[in-house]
Protein backbone atom coordinates (compact mmCIF):
# COMPACT_ATOMS: atom_id res chain seq x y z
CA UNK A 1 -17.45 -50.03 -27.01
CA UNK A 2 -18.73 -52.70 -24.65
CA UNK A 3 -16.21 -51.70 -21.97
CA UNK A 4 -17.36 -48.08 -22.12
CA UNK A 5 -21.02 -49.11 -21.97
CA UNK A 6 -20.49 -51.39 -18.98
CA UNK A 7 -18.43 -48.73 -17.24
CA UNK A 8 -21.18 -46.15 -17.58
CA UNK A 9 -23.77 -48.60 -16.26
CA UNK A 10 -21.58 -49.78 -13.39
CA UNK A 11 -21.21 -46.27 -12.01
CA UNK A 12 -24.92 -46.32 -11.13
CA UNK A 13 -25.28 -42.67 -12.16
CA UNK A 14 -26.16 -43.02 -15.82
CA UNK A 15 -28.97 -44.39 -17.94
CA UNK A 16 -27.66 -45.78 -21.21
CA UNK A 17 -29.26 -46.38 -24.59
CA UNK A 18 -27.26 -48.23 -27.25
CA UNK A 19 -28.07 -47.98 -30.94
CA UNK A 20 -25.75 -50.15 -32.98
CA UNK A 21 -25.08 -51.16 -36.56
CA UNK A 22 -24.85 -54.81 -37.52
CA UNK A 23 -23.43 -56.12 -40.77
CA UNK A 24 -23.05 -59.50 -42.42
CA UNK A 25 -19.45 -59.44 -41.19
CA UNK A 26 -20.43 -58.41 -37.65
CA UNK A 27 -23.95 -59.72 -36.92
CA UNK A 28 -25.90 -58.85 -33.78
CA UNK A 29 -26.57 -62.13 -31.97
CA UNK A 30 -29.05 -61.20 -29.23
CA UNK A 31 -29.46 -64.81 -28.06
CA UNK A 32 -25.78 -64.90 -27.09
CA UNK A 33 -26.02 -61.75 -24.93
CA UNK A 34 -27.09 -61.77 -21.29
CA UNK A 35 -30.70 -60.66 -20.93
CA UNK A 36 -29.85 -58.23 -18.12
CA UNK A 37 -27.38 -56.47 -20.44
CA UNK A 38 -29.97 -56.26 -23.21
CA UNK A 39 -32.42 -54.70 -20.78
CA UNK A 40 -29.94 -52.31 -19.16
CA UNK A 41 -28.64 -50.96 -22.47
CA UNK A 42 -32.02 -50.87 -24.26
CA UNK A 43 -29.93 -51.98 -27.22
CA UNK A 44 -31.25 -51.88 -30.78
CA UNK A 45 -29.39 -53.16 -33.84
CA UNK A 46 -29.98 -52.03 -37.41
CA UNK A 47 -28.55 -53.98 -40.32
CA UNK A 48 -26.30 -52.16 -42.78
CA UNK A 49 -25.04 -53.51 -46.07
CA UNK A 50 -21.40 -52.38 -46.07
CA UNK A 51 -20.28 -54.64 -48.90
CA UNK A 52 -18.02 -53.06 -51.49
CA UNK A 53 -19.96 -51.76 -54.49
CA UNK A 54 -18.02 -50.68 -57.56
CA UNK A 55 -20.77 -48.34 -58.74
CA UNK A 56 -20.90 -46.51 -55.40
CA UNK A 57 -17.11 -46.28 -55.29
CA UNK A 58 -17.08 -44.82 -58.81
CA UNK A 59 -19.83 -42.35 -57.88
CA UNK A 60 -17.80 -41.13 -54.89
CA UNK A 61 -14.79 -40.67 -57.13
CA UNK A 62 -16.86 -38.27 -59.22
CA UNK A 63 -18.56 -36.45 -56.33
CA UNK A 64 -15.47 -36.18 -54.15
CA UNK A 65 -17.05 -37.97 -51.20
CA UNK A 66 -15.15 -40.40 -48.98
CA UNK A 67 -16.23 -43.93 -49.87
CA UNK A 68 -14.85 -45.16 -46.54
CA UNK A 69 -17.50 -43.01 -44.82
CA UNK A 70 -20.50 -43.21 -47.16
CA UNK A 71 -20.55 -47.03 -46.87
CA UNK A 72 -21.75 -46.58 -43.27
CA UNK A 73 -24.61 -44.21 -43.93
CA UNK A 74 -28.07 -45.79 -43.96
CA UNK A 75 -31.48 -44.15 -44.28
CA UNK A 76 -32.92 -46.96 -42.14
CA UNK A 77 -30.44 -46.25 -39.37
CA UNK A 78 -31.12 -42.52 -39.60
CA UNK A 79 -34.88 -43.14 -39.39
CA UNK A 80 -34.63 -45.27 -36.24
CA UNK A 81 -32.14 -42.83 -34.72
CA UNK A 82 -34.66 -40.04 -35.29
CA UNK A 83 -37.41 -42.06 -33.59
CA UNK A 84 -35.16 -42.65 -30.55
CA UNK A 85 -34.28 -38.97 -30.27
CA UNK A 86 -37.91 -37.87 -30.53
CA UNK A 87 -38.93 -40.14 -27.66
CA UNK A 88 -36.21 -39.26 -25.16
CA UNK A 89 -33.79 -36.45 -24.30
CA UNK A 90 -30.08 -37.27 -23.91
CA UNK A 91 -27.39 -35.28 -22.08
CA UNK A 92 -24.52 -36.97 -23.89
CA UNK A 93 -24.32 -38.78 -27.23
CA UNK A 94 -21.18 -40.86 -27.82
CA UNK A 95 -20.23 -41.52 -31.43
CA UNK A 96 -18.16 -44.70 -31.49
CA UNK A 97 -15.62 -44.16 -34.29
CA UNK A 98 -15.42 -41.75 -37.20
CA UNK A 99 -17.77 -43.92 -39.27
CA UNK A 100 -20.76 -42.83 -37.18
CA UNK A 101 -20.04 -39.14 -37.85
CA UNK A 102 -22.50 -38.84 -40.80
CA UNK A 103 -25.32 -39.03 -38.24
CA UNK A 104 -24.16 -35.94 -36.37
CA UNK A 105 -26.48 -33.72 -38.37
CA UNK A 106 -29.47 -35.78 -37.25
CA UNK A 107 -28.32 -35.66 -33.62
CA UNK A 108 -27.99 -31.87 -33.77
CA UNK A 109 -31.48 -31.56 -35.21
CA UNK A 110 -33.25 -33.51 -32.45
CA UNK A 111 -30.89 -33.38 -29.46
CA UNK A 112 -29.33 -30.61 -27.36
CA UNK A 113 -26.90 -32.95 -25.60
CA UNK A 114 -23.13 -33.00 -25.89
CA UNK A 115 -21.81 -34.79 -28.98
CA UNK A 116 -18.61 -36.70 -28.19
CA UNK A 117 -16.55 -38.48 -30.85
CA UNK A 118 -14.75 -41.49 -29.43
CA UNK A 119 -11.93 -41.88 -31.93
CA UNK A 120 -10.68 -45.47 -31.98
CA UNK A 121 -8.00 -44.51 -34.50
CA UNK A 122 -6.93 -41.64 -36.66
CA UNK A 123 -8.45 -43.41 -39.61
CA UNK A 124 -6.71 -41.73 -42.53
CA UNK A 125 -3.29 -42.70 -41.15
CA UNK A 126 -4.17 -46.39 -41.58
CA UNK A 127 -5.05 -45.88 -45.23
CA UNK A 128 -1.96 -43.80 -45.95
CA UNK A 129 0.17 -46.61 -44.49
CA UNK A 130 -1.65 -49.18 -46.60
CA UNK A 131 -1.21 -47.11 -49.75
CA UNK A 132 2.54 -46.78 -49.20
CA UNK A 133 2.91 -50.52 -48.66
CA UNK A 134 0.92 -51.51 -51.76
CA UNK A 135 3.04 -52.44 -54.79
CA UNK A 136 0.63 -52.50 -57.78
CA UNK A 137 0.59 -48.93 -59.08
CA UNK A 138 -3.11 -48.67 -59.91
CA UNK A 139 -4.17 -50.05 -56.56
CA UNK A 140 -1.65 -47.85 -54.74
CA UNK A 141 -2.96 -44.73 -56.48
CA UNK A 142 -6.56 -45.61 -55.61
CA UNK A 143 -5.73 -46.30 -51.95
CA UNK A 144 -3.87 -42.99 -51.80
CA UNK A 145 -6.97 -41.24 -53.14
CA UNK A 146 -9.16 -42.95 -50.54
CA UNK A 147 -6.71 -41.92 -47.82
CA UNK A 148 -6.68 -38.30 -49.00
CA UNK A 149 -10.49 -38.13 -49.11
CA UNK A 150 -10.74 -39.72 -45.67
CA UNK A 151 -8.17 -37.30 -44.26
CA UNK A 152 -10.08 -34.32 -45.61
CA UNK A 153 -13.32 -35.61 -44.09
CA UNK A 154 -11.70 -36.44 -40.74
CA UNK A 155 -10.09 -32.99 -40.42
CA UNK A 156 -13.32 -31.19 -41.30
CA UNK A 157 -15.73 -33.20 -39.16
CA UNK A 158 -13.72 -33.20 -35.92
CA UNK A 159 -14.49 -29.49 -35.48
CA UNK A 160 -18.23 -30.24 -35.54
CA UNK A 161 -18.19 -32.24 -32.31
CA UNK A 162 -18.25 -30.74 -28.83
CA UNK A 163 -15.33 -32.88 -27.70
CA UNK A 164 -13.20 -35.86 -28.69
CA UNK A 165 -12.11 -38.87 -26.64
CA UNK A 166 -8.85 -40.07 -28.20
CA UNK A 167 -7.71 -43.63 -27.60
CA UNK A 168 -4.15 -42.58 -26.66
CA UNK A 169 -1.93 -39.60 -25.90
CA UNK A 170 -0.27 -40.07 -29.29
CA UNK A 171 -3.60 -39.80 -31.09
CA UNK A 172 -4.48 -36.72 -29.05
CA UNK A 173 -1.24 -35.10 -30.21
CA UNK A 174 -2.05 -36.02 -33.81
CA UNK A 175 -5.50 -34.44 -33.56
CA UNK A 176 -3.96 -31.28 -32.14
CA UNK A 177 -1.39 -31.23 -34.93
CA UNK A 178 -4.26 -31.42 -37.44
CA UNK A 179 -5.66 -28.22 -35.93
CA UNK A 180 -8.38 -29.67 -33.72
CA UNK A 181 -9.75 -26.87 -31.53
CA UNK A 182 -12.37 -28.76 -29.48
CA UNK A 183 -11.52 -30.25 -26.05
CA UNK A 184 -9.74 -33.62 -26.29
CA UNK A 185 -9.70 -36.20 -23.50
CA UNK A 186 -7.80 -39.47 -23.57
CA UNK A 187 -9.85 -42.63 -23.02
CA UNK A 188 -7.85 -45.81 -23.67
CA UNK A 189 -9.31 -49.30 -23.75
CA UNK A 190 -10.06 -50.58 -20.26
CA UNK A 191 -10.42 -53.99 -18.62
CA UNK A 192 -12.33 -55.04 -15.53
CA UNK A 193 -9.63 -56.45 -13.26
CA UNK A 194 -12.21 -58.84 -11.77
CA UNK A 195 -12.38 -60.53 -15.16
CA UNK A 196 -8.62 -61.01 -15.59
CA UNK A 197 -7.79 -64.63 -16.38
CA UNK A 198 -5.25 -66.53 -14.29
CA UNK A 199 -1.77 -66.03 -15.66
CA UNK A 200 0.07 -68.90 -17.30
CA UNK A 201 2.80 -70.50 -15.21
CA UNK A 202 4.54 -72.61 -17.84
CA UNK A 203 7.72 -71.60 -19.72
CA UNK A 204 7.26 -70.02 -23.15
CA UNK A 205 7.39 -72.67 -25.86
CA UNK A 206 5.87 -71.17 -29.01
CA UNK A 207 4.95 -67.95 -30.85
CA UNK A 208 1.39 -66.89 -31.62
CA UNK A 209 -0.61 -64.21 -33.40
CA UNK A 210 -4.27 -63.39 -32.83
CA UNK A 211 -6.12 -61.22 -35.31
CA UNK A 212 -8.86 -61.19 -37.92
CA UNK A 213 -7.49 -61.84 -41.39
CA UNK A 214 -10.11 -59.76 -43.15
CA UNK A 215 -8.34 -56.60 -41.91
CA UNK A 216 -5.68 -55.52 -44.36
CA UNK A 217 -3.05 -54.42 -41.81
CA UNK A 218 -3.15 -57.88 -40.19
CA UNK A 219 -2.66 -59.60 -43.55
CA UNK A 220 0.16 -57.25 -44.42
CA UNK A 221 1.84 -57.77 -41.04
CA UNK A 222 1.64 -61.56 -41.02
CA UNK A 223 2.91 -61.75 -44.59
CA UNK A 224 5.92 -59.63 -43.61
CA UNK A 225 6.54 -61.79 -40.53
CA UNK A 226 6.30 -65.17 -42.30
CA UNK A 227 8.36 -64.00 -45.28
CA UNK A 228 11.08 -62.00 -43.51
CA UNK A 229 11.17 -62.85 -39.80
CA UNK A 230 10.11 -66.46 -39.37
CA UNK A 231 12.91 -67.94 -41.53
CA UNK A 232 15.48 -66.25 -39.26
CA UNK A 233 13.90 -67.84 -36.18
CA UNK A 234 13.63 -71.30 -37.75
CA UNK A 235 17.27 -71.12 -38.78
CA UNK A 236 18.33 -70.65 -35.13
CA UNK A 237 15.60 -72.69 -33.41
CA UNK A 238 14.25 -75.23 -35.96
CA UNK A 239 11.58 -76.76 -33.70
CA UNK A 240 9.83 -73.48 -32.85
CA UNK A 241 6.12 -73.41 -33.68
CA UNK A 242 4.00 -70.47 -34.85
CA UNK A 243 0.24 -70.54 -34.11
CA UNK A 244 -2.07 -68.21 -36.03
CA UNK A 245 -5.61 -67.62 -34.78
CA UNK A 246 -8.40 -65.40 -36.05
CA UNK A 247 -11.32 -65.48 -38.41
CA UNK A 248 -11.39 -65.38 -42.21
CA UNK A 249 -7.97 -66.78 -43.03
CA UNK A 250 -7.40 -66.93 -46.80
CA UNK A 251 -7.14 -70.39 -48.32
CA UNK A 252 -3.60 -71.63 -48.98
CA UNK A 253 -1.79 -68.28 -49.40
CA UNK A 254 1.83 -68.67 -50.49
CA UNK A 255 3.06 -66.76 -47.44
CA UNK A 256 1.85 -69.53 -45.11
CA UNK A 257 4.00 -72.22 -46.69
CA UNK A 258 6.84 -71.73 -44.23
CA UNK A 259 7.59 -74.63 -41.82
CA UNK A 260 6.10 -75.14 -38.34
CA UNK A 261 3.06 -72.90 -38.87
CA UNK A 262 -0.31 -73.99 -37.47
CA UNK A 263 -3.41 -72.08 -38.57
CA UNK A 264 -6.06 -72.44 -35.89
CA UNK A 265 -8.51 -70.08 -37.59
CA UNK A 266 -11.34 -68.65 -35.54
CA UNK A 267 -11.25 -69.80 -31.92
CA UNK A 268 -14.04 -69.86 -29.36
CA UNK A 269 -12.27 -67.92 -26.61
CA UNK A 270 -9.44 -65.48 -27.24
CA UNK A 271 -8.31 -65.78 -23.63
CA UNK A 272 -7.20 -69.35 -24.40
CA UNK A 273 -4.48 -67.85 -26.58
CA UNK A 274 -3.79 -64.92 -24.28
CA UNK A 275 -3.00 -67.26 -21.38
CA UNK A 276 -1.14 -69.93 -23.35
CA UNK A 277 2.59 -70.55 -22.90
CA UNK A 278 3.40 -68.45 -25.93
CA UNK A 279 5.03 -65.22 -27.04
CA UNK A 280 2.55 -62.90 -28.68
CA UNK A 281 3.64 -61.12 -31.85
CA UNK A 282 2.09 -57.93 -33.27
CA UNK A 283 3.89 -57.40 -36.60
CA UNK A 284 1.76 -54.48 -37.81
CA UNK A 285 3.25 -52.29 -40.52
CA UNK A 286 0.27 -49.93 -40.73
CA UNK A 287 -2.42 -48.76 -38.36
CA UNK A 288 -3.34 -46.18 -35.75
CA UNK A 289 -4.82 -46.05 -32.29
CA UNK A 290 -4.41 -48.77 -29.66
CA UNK A 291 -4.38 -52.54 -30.05
CA UNK A 292 -6.90 -54.04 -27.65
CA UNK A 293 -5.31 -57.45 -28.10
CA UNK A 294 -2.02 -56.04 -26.80
CA UNK A 295 -3.66 -54.88 -23.55
CA UNK A 296 -5.45 -58.23 -23.20
CA UNK A 297 -2.24 -60.18 -23.80
CA UNK A 298 -0.43 -58.10 -21.19
CA UNK A 299 -3.32 -58.75 -18.78
CA UNK A 300 -2.84 -62.46 -19.45
CA UNK A 301 0.84 -62.17 -18.56
CA UNK A 302 2.12 -62.77 -22.08
CA UNK A 303 5.49 -61.45 -23.26
CA UNK A 304 5.03 -59.45 -26.47
CA UNK A 305 7.24 -58.67 -29.45
CA UNK A 306 5.80 -55.96 -31.67
CA UNK A 307 6.59 -53.31 -34.20
CA UNK A 308 6.39 -49.70 -33.04
CA UNK A 309 2.99 -49.32 -34.68
CA UNK A 310 1.68 -52.42 -32.93
CA UNK A 311 2.25 -50.96 -29.45
CA UNK A 312 1.36 -47.39 -30.36
CA UNK A 313 -0.60 -45.68 -27.60
CA UNK A 314 0.54 -48.08 -24.85
CA UNK A 315 2.96 -46.24 -22.56
CA UNK A 316 4.82 -49.23 -21.13
CA UNK A 317 8.60 -49.34 -21.16
CA UNK A 318 10.44 -51.08 -23.99
CA UNK A 319 12.18 -54.25 -22.77
CA UNK A 320 10.44 -53.97 -19.39
CA UNK A 321 6.85 -54.62 -20.49
CA UNK A 322 7.37 -55.64 -24.14
CA UNK A 323 9.92 -55.69 -26.96
CA UNK A 324 9.76 -53.24 -29.89
CA UNK A 325 11.40 -54.34 -33.14
CA UNK A 326 10.94 -52.83 -36.59
CA UNK A 327 13.40 -54.85 -38.67
CA UNK A 328 13.28 -58.59 -39.39
CA UNK A 329 16.60 -59.10 -37.62
CA UNK A 330 15.58 -57.24 -34.47
CA UNK A 331 12.17 -58.96 -34.38
CA UNK A 332 13.70 -62.41 -34.72
CA UNK A 333 16.39 -61.63 -32.14
CA UNK A 334 13.81 -60.53 -29.55
CA UNK A 335 11.78 -63.73 -30.00
CA UNK A 336 14.85 -65.98 -29.88
CA UNK A 337 16.01 -64.16 -26.75
CA UNK A 338 12.70 -64.79 -24.95
CA UNK A 339 12.53 -68.44 -26.02
CA UNK A 340 16.11 -68.90 -24.82
CA UNK A 341 15.41 -67.24 -21.47
CA UNK A 342 12.01 -68.43 -20.19
CA UNK A 343 12.65 -66.90 -16.75
CA UNK A 344 12.93 -63.40 -18.22
CA UNK A 345 9.95 -64.06 -20.51
CA UNK A 346 7.83 -64.96 -17.48
CA UNK A 347 9.06 -61.91 -15.56
CA UNK A 348 8.17 -59.64 -18.48
CA UNK A 349 4.68 -61.11 -18.58
CA UNK A 350 4.23 -60.55 -14.84
CA UNK A 351 5.40 -56.92 -15.12
CA UNK A 352 3.02 -56.38 -18.02
CA UNK A 353 0.07 -57.81 -16.11
CA UNK A 354 0.72 -55.51 -13.13
CA UNK A 355 1.13 -52.54 -15.48
CA UNK A 356 -2.32 -53.14 -17.01
CA UNK A 357 -3.91 -53.47 -13.58
CA UNK A 358 -2.49 -50.10 -12.57
CA UNK A 359 -3.15 -48.18 -15.79
CA UNK A 360 -6.06 -49.73 -17.70
CA UNK A 361 -8.70 -50.48 -15.05
CA UNK A 362 -11.95 -49.76 -16.87
CA UNK A 363 -14.08 -48.16 -14.16
CA UNK A 364 -11.36 -45.69 -13.19
CA UNK A 365 -10.99 -44.65 -16.83
CA UNK A 366 -14.74 -44.12 -17.29
CA UNK A 367 -15.08 -42.15 -14.06
CA UNK A 368 -12.17 -39.92 -15.05
CA UNK A 369 -13.72 -39.23 -18.46
CA UNK A 370 -17.05 -38.19 -16.93
CA UNK A 371 -15.33 -35.91 -14.41
CA UNK A 372 -13.26 -34.28 -17.14
CA UNK A 373 -16.39 -33.72 -19.22
CA UNK A 374 -18.17 -32.14 -16.24
CA UNK A 375 -15.30 -29.71 -15.74
CA UNK A 376 -14.81 -28.76 -19.39
CA UNK A 377 -18.40 -28.90 -20.67
CA UNK A 378 -21.85 -28.12 -19.25
CA UNK A 379 -22.78 -31.76 -18.69
């Protein structure tokens, strides 16, 4: 979201207004943001209570609404949105993620501009994956119900927008397969090449994972890796170390009792991990869209071993820019191979870095989106 905002501002052709939601989990910390950015974006943040409420969840079960969506609707947010729309006319309104879609009705009431849904994921696919991977029957049935409700909402609402910006070609194809009839552009995550960190020059000497542990797919993926993959690596290379970084790690889970695991928890700067002498793993078993951390790790020159889902939407070549492995044996073999051949690991990282420079430069992506919108819509 920030990359898109900065790209629009950097073009010098657009005035931008940002209205954002903040939650207890993701607070808006204005004091930590550059004052020029605050001024340029005219940013306003409205607090939403998105905590899980059993009564609301039960009510949605009865009414047939999608609880995943209704948690993000706020009368306070709608009121301030209305005030913003009454004061100023907008040519284009970008809805960042499906969870902002409930406010489309308000936008249509007060604004004649184009309504664009920037789809970070195909959300219902994530929940279907989670439901399939959940063992307790009652919980699995409930997650399947949530996924079905979310899918119904997602299919219905996508026709209400003027256009969609999918995060990847794969997601675009999924939207088309669902019957989407509005124009679809592809807008992947972009990086400013001027902000690329220096690449690491040391040989690979450890494995690392970076991801918030309050997101169920990350928990599921790390549990699979530590239970099924890590023992195979330790058996062949007993001194190998695994570093886990990210916020909200659970306390003393059984699946972190394996040897040589260091939990760093939340770190101050993610680039410190992205430019370390490590191999990045993305062991996701569920999800959709594009992993920003994968693009950032490639920009940092890190070799990556991932499941197919983890690198979904990134068109690099398997074994040239990263390794894809979907079984414990293949995943372990790829990591052992890179640790055993640091020259090839470094070369893979260098190829990945160049690939990101050529394909994920932020300003080029934003300019292309605007030009495509001008040609397909009366912008």
